[in-house]
């Protein structure tokens, strides 16, 4: 397991190093810049999806999904970030308590 952790860490470091080593003219290309701007959003979305809809190796639809829906509603109502997180936690906790 330690070997996998070390290999993953080294891979992340090398990827970051390659990104920092690119010449500025490559990064300034509009298509590359647009893609680089969208990558964090895509990665965060993937993380949220896997943490919300999976349990181990199985897909699971439970209170976390309802909390996510509540968070989306709070975001659409332009609530501050801490309120969005609090609403998601509260809805998830109340649904788990009720079931």
PDB file of N, CA and C in Angstrom:
ATOM      1  N   UNK A   1       0.814  -1.183   0.000  1.00  0.00           N
ATOM      2  CA  UNK A   1       0.000   0.000   0.000  1.00  0.00           C
ATOM      3  C   UNK A   1       0.866   1.258   0.000  1.00  0.00           C
ATOM      4  N   UNK A   2       1.955   1.223   0.749  1.00  0.00           N
ATOM      5  CA  UNK A   2       2.838   2.397   0.802  1.00  0.00           C
ATOM      6  C   UNK A   2       3.452   2.678  -0.563  1.00  0.00           C
ATOM      7  N   UNK A   3       3.710   1.625  -1.307  1.00  0.00           N
ATOM      8  CA  UNK A   3       4.268   1.811  -2.648  1.00  0.00           C
ATOM      9  C   UNK A   3       3.261   2.531  -3.546  1.00  0.00           C
ATOM     10  N   UNK A   4       1.990   2.182  -3.442  1.00  0.00           N
ATOM     11  CA  UNK A   4       0.955   2.840  -4.240  1.00  0.00           C
ATOM     12  C   UNK A   4       0.816   4.317  -3.836  1.00  0.00           C
ATOM     13  N   UNK A   5       0.883   4.589  -2.542  1.00  0.00           N
ATOM     14  CA  UNK A   5       0.792   5.975  -2.074  1.00  0.00           C
ATOM     15  C   UNK A   5       1.986   6.779  -2.585  1.00  0.00           C
ATOM     16  N   UNK A   6       3.175   6.202  -2.495  1.00  0.00           N
ATOM     17  CA  UNK A   6       4.371   6.890  -2.981  1.00  0.00           C
ATOM     18  C   UNK A   6       4.299   7.124  -4.485  1.00  0.00           C
ATOM     19  N   UNK A   7       3.861   6.093  -5.233  1.00  0.00           N
ATOM     20  CA  UNK A   7       3.770   6.230  -6.693  1.00  0.00           C
ATOM     21  C   UNK A   7       2.739   7.294  -7.073  1.00  0.00           C
ATOM     22  N   UNK A   8       1.595   7.308  -6.392  1.00  0.00           N
ATOM     23  CA  UNK A   8       0.586   8.323  -6.673  1.00  0.00           C
ATOM     24  C   UNK A   8       1.082   9.721  -6.347  1.00  0.00           C
ATOM     25  N   UNK A   9       1.780   9.851  -5.226  1.00  0.00           N
ATOM     26  CA  UNK A   9       2.327  11.156  -4.840  1.00  0.00           C
ATOM     27  C   UNK A   9       3.369  11.627  -5.845  1.00  0.00           C
ATOM     28  N   UNK A  10       4.236  10.728  -6.254  1.00  0.00           N
ATOM     29  CA  UNK A  10       5.259  11.076  -7.233  1.00  0.00           C
ATOM     30  C   UNK A  10       4.629  11.465  -8.565  1.00  0.00           C
ATOM     31  N   UNK A  11       3.598  10.736  -8.974  1.00  0.00           N
ATOM     32  CA  UNK A  11       2.904  11.066 -10.215  1.00  0.00           C
ATOM     33  C   UNK A  11       2.269  12.448 -10.165  1.00  0.00           C
ATOM     34  N   UNK A  12       1.626  12.772  -9.038  1.00  0.00           N
ATOM     35  CA  UNK A  12       1.019  14.103  -8.879  1.00  0.00           C
ATOM     36  C   UNK A  12       2.074  15.197  -8.913  1.00  0.00           C
ATOM     37  N   UNK A  13       3.198  14.947  -8.234  1.00  0.00           N
ATOM     38  CA  UNK A  13       4.279  15.931  -8.221  1.00  0.00           C
ATOM     39  C   UNK A  13       4.835  16.145  -9.622  1.00  0.00           C
ATOM     40  N   UNK A  14       5.055  15.066 -10.355  1.00  0.00           N
ATOM     41  CA  UNK A  14       5.605  15.184 -11.708  1.00  0.00           C
ATOM     42  C   UNK A  14       4.624  15.908 -12.637  1.00  0.00           C
ATOM     43  N   UNK A  15       3.340  15.624 -12.489  1.00  0.00           N
ATOM     44  CA  UNK A  15       2.343  16.308 -13.306  1.00  0.00           C
ATOM     45  C   UNK A  15       2.338  17.805 -13.017  1.00  0.00           C
ATOM     46  N   UNK A  16       2.434  18.166 -11.750  1.00  0.00           N
ATOM     47  CA  UNK A  16       2.497  19.576 -11.365  1.00  0.00           C
ATOM     48  C   UNK A  16       3.775  20.217 -11.923  1.00  0.00           C
ATOM     49  N   UNK A  17       4.886  19.508 -11.854  1.00  0.00           N
ATOM     50  CA  UNK A  17       6.156  20.018 -12.360  1.00  0.00           C
ATOM     51  C   UNK A  17       6.096  20.241 -13.870  1.00  0.00           C
ATOM     52  N   UNK A  18       5.479  19.321 -14.586  1.00  0.00           N
ATOM     53  CA  UNK A  18       5.335  19.481 -16.039  1.00  0.00           C
ATOM     54  C   UNK A  18       4.481  20.708 -16.340  1.00  0.00           C
ATOM     55  N   UNK A  19       3.395  20.887 -15.583  1.00  0.00           N
ATOM     56  CA  UNK A  19       2.537  22.049 -15.793  1.00  0.00           C
ATOM     57  C   UNK A  19       3.254  23.358 -15.536  1.00  0.00           C
ATOM     58  N   UNK A  20       4.093  23.380 -14.516  1.00  0.00           N
ATOM     59  CA  UNK A  20       4.843  24.603 -14.212  1.00  0.00           C
ATOM     60  C   UNK A  20       5.985  24.848 -15.194  1.00  0.00           C
ATOM     61  N   UNK A  21       6.439  23.795 -15.858  1.00  0.00           N
ATOM     62  CA  UNK A  21       7.577  23.917 -16.771  1.00  0.00           C
ATOM     63  C   UNK A  21       7.174  24.298 -18.200  1.00  0.00           C
ATOM     64  N   UNK A  22       5.882  24.312 -18.476  1.00  0.00           N
ATOM     65  CA  UNK A  22       5.447  24.661 -19.832  1.00  0.00           C
ATOM     66  C   UNK A  22       5.783  26.117 -20.143  1.00  0.00           C
ATOM     67  N   UNK A  23       6.207  26.393 -21.361  1.00  0.00           N
ATOM     68  CA  UNK A  23       6.459  27.781 -21.736  1.00  0.00           C
ATOM     69  C   UNK A  23       5.157  28.592 -21.710  1.00  0.00           C
ATOM     70  N   UNK A  24       5.285  29.874 -21.413  1.00  0.00           N
ATOM     71  CA  UNK A  24       4.116  30.746 -21.294  1.00  0.00           C
ATOM     72  C   UNK A  24       3.321  30.798 -22.594  1.00  0.00           C
ATOM     73  N   UNK A  25       4.005  30.729 -23.746  1.00  0.00           N
ATOM     74  CA  UNK A  25       3.280  30.821 -25.015  1.00  0.00           C
ATOM     75  C   UNK A  25       2.347  29.624 -25.228  1.00  0.00           C
ATOM     76  N   UNK A  26       2.677  28.476 -24.627  1.00  0.00           N
ATOM     77  CA  UNK A  26       1.792  27.314 -24.720  1.00  0.00           C
ATOM     78  C   UNK A  26       0.560  27.524 -23.835  1.00  0.00           C
ATOM     79  N   UNK A  27       0.781  28.062 -22.652  1.00  0.00           N
ATOM     80  CA  UNK A  27      -0.318  28.272 -21.705  1.00  0.00           C
ATOM     81  C   UNK A  27      -1.244  29.391 -22.158  1.00  0.00           C
ATOM     82  N   UNK A  28      -0.753  30.338 -22.925  1.00  0.00           N
ATOM     83  CA  UNK A  28      -1.553  31.476 -23.372  1.00  0.00           C
ATOM     84  C   UNK A  28      -2.443  31.155 -24.570  1.00  0.00           C
ATOM     85  N   UNK A  29      -2.309  29.980 -25.161  1.00  0.00           N
ATOM     86  CA  UNK A  29      -3.186  29.589 -26.269  1.00  0.00           C
ATOM     87  C   UNK A  29      -4.624  29.545 -25.735  1.00  0.00           C
ATOM     88  N   UNK A  30      -5.572  30.186 -26.413  1.00  0.00           N
ATOM     89  CA  UNK A  30      -6.939  30.273 -25.876  1.00  0.00           C
ATOM     90  C   UNK A  30      -7.565  28.918 -25.530  1.00  0.00           C
ATOM     91  N   UNK A  31      -7.362  27.914 -26.360  1.00  0.00           N
ATOM     92  CA  UNK A  31      -7.956  26.598 -26.086  1.00  0.00           C
ATOM     93  C   UNK A  31      -7.349  25.972 -24.831  1.00  0.00           C
ATOM     94  N   UNK A  32      -6.039  26.086 -24.668  1.00  0.00           N
ATOM     95  CA  UNK A  32      -5.366  25.543 -23.487  1.00  0.00           C
ATOM     96  C   UNK A  32      -5.799  26.314 -22.240  1.00  0.00           C
ATOM     97  N   UNK A  33      -5.875  27.620 -22.356  1.00  0.00           N
ATOM     98  CA  UNK A  33      -6.280  28.445 -21.217  1.00  0.00           C
ATOM     99  C   UNK A  33      -7.711  28.119 -20.788  1.00  0.00           C
ATOM    100  N   UNK A  34      -8.602  27.965 -21.751  1.00  0.00           N
ATOM    101  CA  UNK A  34      -9.994  27.638 -21.453  1.00  0.00           C
ATOM    102  C   UNK A  34     -10.091  26.266 -20.774  1.00  0.00           C
ATOM    103  N   UNK A  35      -9.345  25.298 -21.290  1.00  0.00           N
ATOM    104  CA  UNK A  35      -9.345  23.959 -20.698  1.00  0.00           C
ATOM    105  C   UNK A  35      -8.789  23.996 -19.281  1.00  0.00           C
ATOM    106  N   UNK A  36      -7.710  24.730 -19.077  1.00  0.00           N
ATOM    107  CA  UNK A  36      -7.106  24.834 -17.749  1.00  0.00           C
ATOM    108  C   UNK A  36      -8.049  25.513 -16.767  1.00  0.00           C
ATOM    109  N   UNK A  37      -8.852  26.444 -17.230  1.00  0.00           N
ATOM    110  CA  UNK A  37      -9.816  27.101 -16.360  1.00  0.00           C
ATOM    111  C   UNK A  37     -10.950  26.159 -15.950  1.00  0.00           C
ATOM    112  N   UNK A  38     -11.302  25.215 -16.824  1.00  0.00           N
ATOM    113  CA  UNK A  38     -12.415  24.312 -16.536  1.00  0.00           C
ATOM    114  C   UNK A  38     -12.009  23.058 -15.760  1.00  0.00           C
ATOM    115  N   UNK A  39     -10.733  22.727 -15.734  1.00  0.00           N
ATOM    116  CA  UNK A  39     -10.292  21.500 -15.069  1.00  0.00           C
ATOM    117  C   UNK A  39     -10.642  21.435 -13.579  1.00  0.00           C
ATOM    118  N   UNK A  40     -10.412  22.481 -12.791  1.00  0.00           N
ATOM    119  CA  UNK A  40     -10.773  22.371 -11.373  1.00  0.00           C
ATOM    120  C   UNK A  40     -12.255  22.112 -11.148  1.00  0.00           C
ATOM    121  N   UNK A  41     -13.114  22.715 -11.964  1.00  0.00           N
ATOM    122  CA  UNK A  41     -14.551  22.498 -11.834  1.00  0.00           C
ATOM    123  C   UNK A  41     -14.894  21.044 -12.151  1.00  0.00           C
ATOM    124  N   UNK A  42     -14.290  20.510 -13.204  1.00  0.00           N
ATOM    125  CA  UNK A  42     -14.554  19.122 -13.578  1.00  0.00           C
ATOM    126  C   UNK A  42     -14.056  18.152 -12.507  1.00  0.00           C
ATOM    127  N   UNK A  43     -12.889  18.412 -11.960  1.00  0.00           N
ATOM    128  CA  UNK A  43     -12.353  17.530 -10.926  1.00  0.00           C
ATOM    129  C   UNK A  43     -13.183  17.592  -9.654  1.00  0.00           C
ATOM    130  N   UNK A  44     -13.624  18.773  -9.264  1.00  0.00           N
ATOM    131  CA  UNK A  44     -14.463  18.904  -8.081  1.00  0.00           C
ATOM    132  C   UNK A  44     -15.812  18.218  -8.294  1.00  0.00           C
ATOM    133  N   UNK A  45     -16.373  18.340  -9.483  1.00  0.00           N
ATOM    134  CA  UNK A  45     -17.632  17.672  -9.796  1.00  0.00           C
ATOM    135  C   UNK A  45     -17.485  16.159  -9.721  1.00  0.00           C
ATOM    136  N   UNK A  46     -16.382  15.641 -10.242  1.00  0.00           N
ATOM    137  CA  UNK A  46     -16.141  14.197 -10.172  1.00  0.00           C
ATOM    138  C   UNK A  46     -15.989  13.734  -8.732  1.00  0.00           C
ATOM    139  N   UNK A  47     -15.303  14.514  -7.921  1.00  0.00           N
ATOM    140  CA  UNK A  47     -15.132  14.167  -6.515  1.00  0.00           C
ATOM    141  C   UNK A  47     -16.477  14.171  -5.791  1.00  0.00           C
ATOM    142  N   UNK A  48     -17.291  15.183  -6.028  1.00  0.00           N
ATOM    143  CA  UNK A  48     -18.610  15.253  -5.396  1.00  0.00           C
ATOM    144  C   UNK A  48     -19.467  14.068  -5.835  1.00  0.00           C
ATOM    145  N   UNK A  49     -19.453  13.747  -7.103  1.00  0.00           N
ATOM    146  CA  UNK A  49     -20.269  12.635  -7.606  1.00  0.00           C
ATOM    147  C   UNK A  49     -19.848  11.304  -6.996  1.00  0.00           C
ATOM    148  N   UNK A  50     -18.551  11.050  -6.932  1.00  0.00           N
ATOM    149  CA  UNK A  50     -18.109   9.766  -6.379  1.00  0.00           C
ATOM    150  C   UNK A  50     -18.359   9.680  -4.887  1.00  0.00           C
ATOM    151  N   UNK A  51     -18.226  10.774  -4.164  1.00  0.00           N
ATOM    152  CA  UNK A  51     -18.467  10.749  -2.725  1.00  0.00           C
ATOM    153  C   UNK A  51     -19.957  10.698  -2.396  1.00  0.00           C
ATOM    154  N   UNK A  52     -20.811  11.190  -3.285  1.00  0.00           N
ATOM    155  CA  UNK A  52     -22.241  11.232  -3.023  1.00  0.00           C
ATOM    156  C   UNK A  52     -22.944   9.953  -3.446  1.00  0.00           C
ATOM    157  N   UNK A  53     -22.569   9.393  -4.576  1.00  0.00           N
ATOM    158  CA  UNK A  53     -23.332   8.294  -5.146  1.00  0.00           C
ATOM    159  C   UNK A  53     -22.663   6.932  -5.075  1.00  0.00           C
ATOM    160  N   UNK A  54     -21.571   6.794  -4.346  1.00  0.00           N
ATOM    161  CA  UNK A  54     -20.926   5.490  -4.230  1.00  0.00           C
ATOM    162  C   UNK A  54     -20.698   5.128  -2.772  1.00  0.00           C
ATOM    163  N   UNK A  55     -20.682   3.828  -2.552  1.00  0.00           N
ATOM    164  CA  UNK A  55     -20.328   3.281  -1.250  1.00  0.00           C
ATOM    165  C   UNK A  55     -19.478   2.050  -1.526  1.00  0.00           C
ATOM    166  N   UNK A  56     -18.190   2.178  -1.300  1.00  0.00           N
ATOM    167  CA  UNK A  56     -17.287   1.091  -1.675  1.00  0.00           C
ATOM    168  C   UNK A  56     -17.208   0.997  -3.186  1.00  0.00           C
ATOM    169  N   UNK A  57     -17.637  -0.141  -3.707  1.00  0.00           N
ATOM    170  CA  UNK A  57     -17.619  -0.348  -5.159  1.00  0.00           C
ATOM    171  C   UNK A  57     -19.020  -0.324  -5.762  1.00  0.00           C
ATOM    172  N   UNK A  58     -19.990   0.151  -5.004  1.00  0.00           N
ATOM    173  CA  UNK A  58     -21.373   0.104  -5.455  1.00  0.00           C
ATOM    174  C   UNK A  58     -21.973   1.504  -5.517  1.00  0.00           C
ATOM    175  N   UNK A  59     -22.856   1.677  -6.495  1.00  0.00           N
ATOM    176  CA  UNK A  59     -23.630   2.908  -6.550  1.00  0.00           C
ATOM    177  C   UNK A  59     -24.685   2.858  -5.457  1.00  0.00           C
ATOM    178  N   UNK A  60     -24.931   3.982  -4.818  1.00  0.00           N
ATOM    179  CA  UNK A  60     -25.882   4.012  -3.725  1.00  0.00           C
ATOM    180  C   UNK A  60     -26.597   5.359  -3.716  1.00  0.00           C
ATOM    181  N   UNK A  61     -27.899   5.313  -3.640  1.00  0.00           N
ATOM    182  CA  UNK A  61     -28.700   6.525  -3.574  1.00  0.00           C
ATOM    183  C   UNK A  61     -29.282   6.605  -2.167  1.00  0.00           C
ATOM    184  N   UNK A  62     -28.800   7.558  -1.386  1.00  0.00           N
ATOM    185  CA  UNK A  62     -29.244   7.669  -0.002  1.00  0.00           C
ATOM    186  C   UNK A  62     -29.385   9.141   0.386  1.00  0.00           C
ATOM    187  N   UNK A  63     -29.280   9.429   1.667  1.00  0.00           N
ATOM    188  CA  UNK A  63     -29.496  10.780   2.183  1.00  0.00           C
ATOM    189  C   UNK A  63     -28.477  11.779   1.636  1.00  0.00           C
ATOM    190  N   UNK A  64     -27.304  11.301   1.254  1.00  0.00           N
ATOM    191  CA  UNK A  64     -26.295  12.221   0.710  1.00  0.00           C
ATOM    192  C   UNK A  64     -26.786  12.875  -0.576  1.00  0.00           C
ATOM    193  N   UNK A  65     -27.512  12.119  -1.397  1.00  0.00           N
ATOM    194  CA  UNK A  65     -28.035  12.676  -2.649  1.00  0.00           C
ATOM    195  C   UNK A  65     -29.061  13.774  -2.371  1.00  0.00           C
ATOM    196  N   UNK A  66     -29.895  13.568  -1.363  1.00  0.00           N
ATOM    197  CA  UNK A  66     -30.888  14.583  -0.999  1.00  0.00           C
ATOM    198  C   UNK A  66     -30.176  15.828  -0.456  1.00  0.00           C
ATOM    199  N   UNK A  67     -29.115  15.634   0.317  1.00  0.00           N
ATOM    200  CA  UNK A  67     -28.324  16.766   0.801  1.00  0.00           C
ATOM    201  C   UNK A  67     -27.690  17.536  -0.336  1.00  0.00           C
ATOM    202  N   UNK A  68     -27.238  16.821  -1.358  1.00  0.00           N
ATOM    203  CA  UNK A  68     -26.662  17.480  -2.526  1.00  0.00           C
ATOM    204  C   UNK A  68     -27.716  18.308  -3.257  1.00  0.00           C
ATOM    205  N   UNK A  69     -28.909  17.771  -3.387  1.00  0.00           N
ATOM    206  CA  UNK A  69     -29.995  18.518  -4.029  1.00  0.00           C
ATOM    207  C   UNK A  69     -30.300  19.781  -3.216  1.00  0.00           C
ATOM    208  N   UNK A  70     -30.327  19.649  -1.890  1.00  0.00           N
ATOM    209  CA  UNK A  70     -30.567  20.817  -1.043  1.00  0.00           C
ATOM    210  C   UNK A  70     -29.464  21.858  -1.220  1.00  0.00           C
ATOM    211  N   UNK A  71     -28.230  21.405  -1.349  1.00  0.00           N
ATOM    212  CA  UNK A  71     -27.119  22.338  -1.572  1.00  0.00           C
ATOM    213  C   UNK A  71     -27.267  23.048  -2.912  1.00  0.00           C
ATOM    214  N   UNK A  72     -27.680  22.320  -3.933  1.00  0.00           N
ATOM    215  CA  UNK A  72     -27.881  22.938  -5.253  1.00  0.00           C
ATOM    216  C   UNK A  72     -28.974  24.003  -5.174  1.00  0.00           C
ATOM    217  N   UNK A  73     -30.047  23.716  -4.454  1.00  0.00           N
ATOM    218  CA  UNK A  73     -31.118  24.705  -4.288  1.00  0.00           C
ATOM    219  C   UNK A  73     -30.581  25.936  -3.562  1.00  0.00           C
ATOM    220  N   UNK A  74     -29.796  25.726  -2.518  1.00  0.00           N
ATOM    221  CA  UNK A  74     -29.230  26.865  -1.778  1.00  0.00           C
ATOM    222  C   UNK A  74     -28.300  27.691  -2.666  1.00  0.00           C
ATOM    223  N   UNK A  75     -27.533  27.033  -3.511  1.00  0.00           N
ATOM    224  CA  UNK A  75     -26.642  27.759  -4.434  1.00  0.00           C
ATOM    225  C   UNK A  75     -27.468  28.569  -5.425  1.00  0.00           C
ATOM    226  N   UNK A  76     -28.530  27.960  -5.937  1.00  0.00           N
ATOM    227  CA  UNK A  76     -29.386  28.672  -6.895  1.00  0.00           C
ATOM    228  C   UNK A  76     -30.064  29.887  -6.263  1.00  0.00           C
ATOM    229  N   UNK A  77     -30.289  29.829  -4.938  1.00  0.00           N
ATOM    230  CA  UNK A  77     -30.859  30.961  -4.217  1.00  0.00           C
ATOM    231  C   UNK A  77     -29.790  31.960  -3.786  1.00  0.00           C
ATOM    232  N   UNK A  78     -28.564  31.714  -4.245  1.00  0.00           N
ATOM    233  CA  UNK A  78     -27.412  32.589  -3.983  1.00  0.00           C
ATOM    234  C   UNK A  78     -27.070  32.708  -2.494  1.00  0.00           C
ATOM    235  N   UNK A  79     -27.180  31.601  -1.782  1.00  0.00           N
ATOM    236  CA  UNK A  79     -26.803  31.575  -0.373  1.00  0.00           C
ATOM    237  C   UNK A  79     -25.280  31.587  -0.256  1.00  0.00           C
ATOM    238  N   UNK A  80     -24.745  32.133   0.826  1.00  0.00           N
ATOM    239  CA  UNK A  80     -23.294  32.098   1.044  1.00  0.00           C
ATOM    240  C   UNK A  80     -22.807  30.648   1.194  1.00  0.00           C
ATOM    241  N   UNK A  81     -21.528  30.450   0.938  1.00  0.00           N
ATOM    242  CA  UNK A  81     -20.955  29.099   0.927  1.00  0.00           C
ATOM    243  C   UNK A  81     -21.212  28.360   2.230  1.00  0.00           C
ATOM    244  N   UNK A  82     -20.992  29.006   3.366  1.00  0.00           N
ATOM    245  CA  UNK A  82     -21.188  28.325   4.646  1.00  0.00           C
ATOM    246  C   UNK A  82     -22.650  27.931   4.856  1.00  0.00           C
ATOM    247  N   UNK A  83     -23.566  28.735   4.362  1.00  0.00           N
ATOM    248  CA  UNK A  83     -24.988  28.396   4.452  1.00  0.00           C
ATOM    249  C   UNK A  83     -25.291  27.189   3.571  1.00  0.00           C
ATOM    250  N   UNK A  84     -24.697  27.135   2.395  1.00  0.00           N
ATOM    251  CA  UNK A  84     -24.895  25.996   1.494  1.00  0.00           C
ATOM    252  C   UNK A  84     -24.426  24.714   2.176  1.00  0.00           C
ATOM    253  N   UNK A  85     -23.248  24.748   2.762  1.00  0.00           N
ATOM    254  CA  UNK A  85     -22.716  23.562   3.444  1.00  0.00           C
ATOM    255  C   UNK A  85     -23.600  23.191   4.629  1.00  0.00           C
ATOM    256  N   UNK A  86     -24.027  24.184   5.405  1.00  0.00           N
ATOM    257  CA  UNK A  86     -24.878  23.916   6.566  1.00  0.00           C
ATOM    258  C   UNK A  86     -26.216  23.314   6.146  1.00  0.00           C
ATOM    259  N   UNK A  87     -26.806  23.831   5.081  1.00  0.00           N
ATOM    260  CA  UNK A  87     -28.081  23.298   4.597  1.00  0.00           C
ATOM    261  C   UNK A  87     -27.913  21.848   4.155  1.00  0.00           C
ATOM    262  N   UNK A  88     -26.861  21.565   3.413  1.00  0.00           N
ATOM    263  CA  UNK A  88     -26.622  20.194   2.950  1.00  0.00           C
ATOM    264  C   UNK A  88     -26.433  19.252   4.133  1.00  0.00           C
ATOM    265  N   UNK A  89     -25.654  19.670   5.108  1.00  0.00           N
ATOM    266  CA  UNK A  89     -25.419  18.827   6.293  1.00  0.00           C
ATOM    267  C   UNK A  89     -26.702  18.616   7.081  1.00  0.00           C
ATOM    268  N   UNK A  90     -27.453  19.674   7.279  1.00  0.00           N
ATOM    269  CA  UNK A  90     -28.686  19.595   8.054  1.00  0.00           C
ATOM    270  C   UNK A  90     -29.712  18.685   7.385  1.00  0.00           C
ATOM    271  N   UNK A  91     -29.919  18.857   6.093  1.00  0.00           N
ATOM    272  CA  UNK A  91     -30.886  18.030   5.377  1.00  0.00           C
ATOM    273  C   UNK A  91     -30.454  16.573   5.406  1.00  0.00           C
ATOM    274  N   UNK A  92     -29.187  16.304   5.179  1.00  0.00           N
ATOM    275  CA  UNK A  92     -28.686  14.926   5.205  1.00  0.00           C
ATOM    276  C   UNK A  92     -28.866  14.320   6.598  1.00  0.00           C
ATOM    277  N   UNK A  93     -28.507  15.065   7.623  1.00  0.00           N
ATOM    278  CA  UNK A  93     -28.625  14.547   8.993  1.00  0.00           C
ATOM    279  C   UNK A  93     -30.080  14.289   9.367  1.00  0.00           C
ATOM    280  N   UNK A  94     -30.972  15.204   9.006  1.00  0.00           N
ATOM    281  CA  UNK A  94     -32.385  15.026   9.343  1.00  0.00           C
ATOM    282  C   UNK A  94     -32.975  13.822   8.607  1.00  0.00           C
ATOM    283  N   UNK A  95     -32.600  13.643   7.370  1.00  0.00           N
ATOM    284  CA  UNK A  95     -33.115  12.481   6.619  1.00  0.00           C
ATOM    285  C   UNK A  95     -32.566  11.172   7.187  1.00  0.00           C
ATOM    286  N   UNK A  96     -31.302  11.160   7.589  1.00  0.00           N
ATOM    287  CA  UNK A  96     -30.743   9.954   8.211  1.00  0.00           C
ATOM    288  C   UNK A  96     -31.408   9.675   9.553  1.00  0.00           C
ATOM    289  N   UNK A  97     -31.739  10.727  10.284  1.00  0.00           N
ATOM    290  CA  UNK A  97     -32.422  10.562  11.563  1.00  0.00           C
ATOM    291  C   UNK A  97     -33.824  10.005  11.373  1.00  0.00           C
ATOM    292  N   UNK A  98     -34.494  10.464  10.304  1.00  0.00           N
ATOM    293  CA  UNK A  98     -35.864  10.034  10.045  1.00  0.00           C
ATOM    294  C   UNK A  98     -35.948   8.606   9.506  1.00  0.00           C
ATOM    295  N   UNK A  99     -34.892   8.137   8.864  1.00  0.00           N
ATOM    296  CA  UNK A  99     -34.953   6.784   8.268  1.00  0.00           C
ATOM    297  C   UNK A  99     -34.149   5.781   9.039  1.00  0.00           C
TER     298      UNK A  99
END
